Amino acid sequence: MNSKIIANGILRAITIILGVALLLFFLYKIQSVIGYIAIAAVVSLIGRPIVFFLQRKLKFKNTIAVVLTMVLLLGIIIGLVSLFIPLILKQGQNLSLLNINQLQVNIENLYSEIITYFDLHHINVQDSINTSNWFSKIDFSLIPDFLNTIISSFGNFSIALFSVLFISFFFLKDSKLLEGILLTLVPEKNEAKWKISSEKIKNLLSRYFVGLIFQILILFVIYTIGLLIIDVDNPIVIAFLCALLNLIPYVGPVIGAFLMLTLTMTSHLGESFSQIIVPKTLWVLLVFIIGQLVDNFFSQPIIFSKSVKSHPLEIFLVILITGILFGVIGLIIAIPAYTSLKVILNTFLSDNKIVKKLTKNL
């Protein structure tokens, strides 16, 4: 092997490395745009059944059906925002988020009431919790910065919302648009198979995302009714947040439970801990448990059996692995990504024994 061949090999390797680095840098810079496209794809999958209904049942033309679908989706978003923002601001005032000193006093009072309650029942929790170390780790001065970040992000949210809706409109109007873009990356000999896979994936994921909306809606109704009966402040905000967190498998419900119980307790600071706060917190916990039982034994089995068509253990392992590899994002995208992968494998490797076993229900 002469020096010229070695030099060409090194040059080729350097060129490939630089090309990959530039591609990754470019993707990093446009990650927000990629995010908009991904969200728009999900929105178009959710709106797809509505468009089909308007076209096939009510005989609307494609463009009119898409416009009506987008108006409906936009109306839902505006309705949620108009309902949600005022209640968030009210809850923020209740929690004294704008008064940092008062927030710290409230938390200290809540902590003292908890310690006193356990002491009265001869349960010593003081030794297991070092209050000075606990509070030293909390930087309450960060809260104003956090609020300012939220306020400043409304501008970015407006841009993101417009971008997502704009892209979603064209994805719905031309259902083959995204498929056509992806097919440019596929060799011509495999185009037919990719088209079959694409159609199956769209059908399955469309049912999956619509199912998720019904899952959130059912939880929202259960939580709202329960919190209204218990007379918890701002039940709609708490119910919506906790139902939405359920989108994160396994971890989301735990965060939702903590949020629901914390907001309930902090909303009644100053009242009797043993007679008011503890009973209400226990009732709220019962409402949460009822919601989770309905979700785990009714909503989720229907969603998974009708859409992703996978065994519960299979889903658990996939979510666990993607969560370890990619964190919270992995937990959220695990099921859609795995479903898409199964369809692709079923199309291209249908004779493989393992693939047959995994995709027998597709």
Foldseek 3Di string as FASTA:
>chain_A
DDPVVVVVVVVVVVVVVVVVVVVVVVCVVCVLVVVLLVLLLLLLLQLQVQLCCCCPVVVDDQLVSLVVSLVVVVVVVVVCCVVQVVLVVVLCVLCVLVPLVVNVVLVVLLVVLVQVVCVVVVHHCPVVDDVVVVVVPDDSVCSVVVVVVVVVCVVVVVVSVVSNSVSNSVCSSDVCVVVVVVCVVPDPVCNVLSVVLVVLLSVQSSLLSNLLVVLLVLQLVLQLVLCVVLVAPSSNNLSNCLSVLVLQPPVSNVVSLVSQLVSRQSSPRPDNCVPRNVVSSVSSNVSSVVSVVCSVPPSVVVSCCVHLNFDPVVQVVQLVVLCVVPNRVSSNCRSSVVSSVLSSCCSPVVVDPVSCVGNVPD
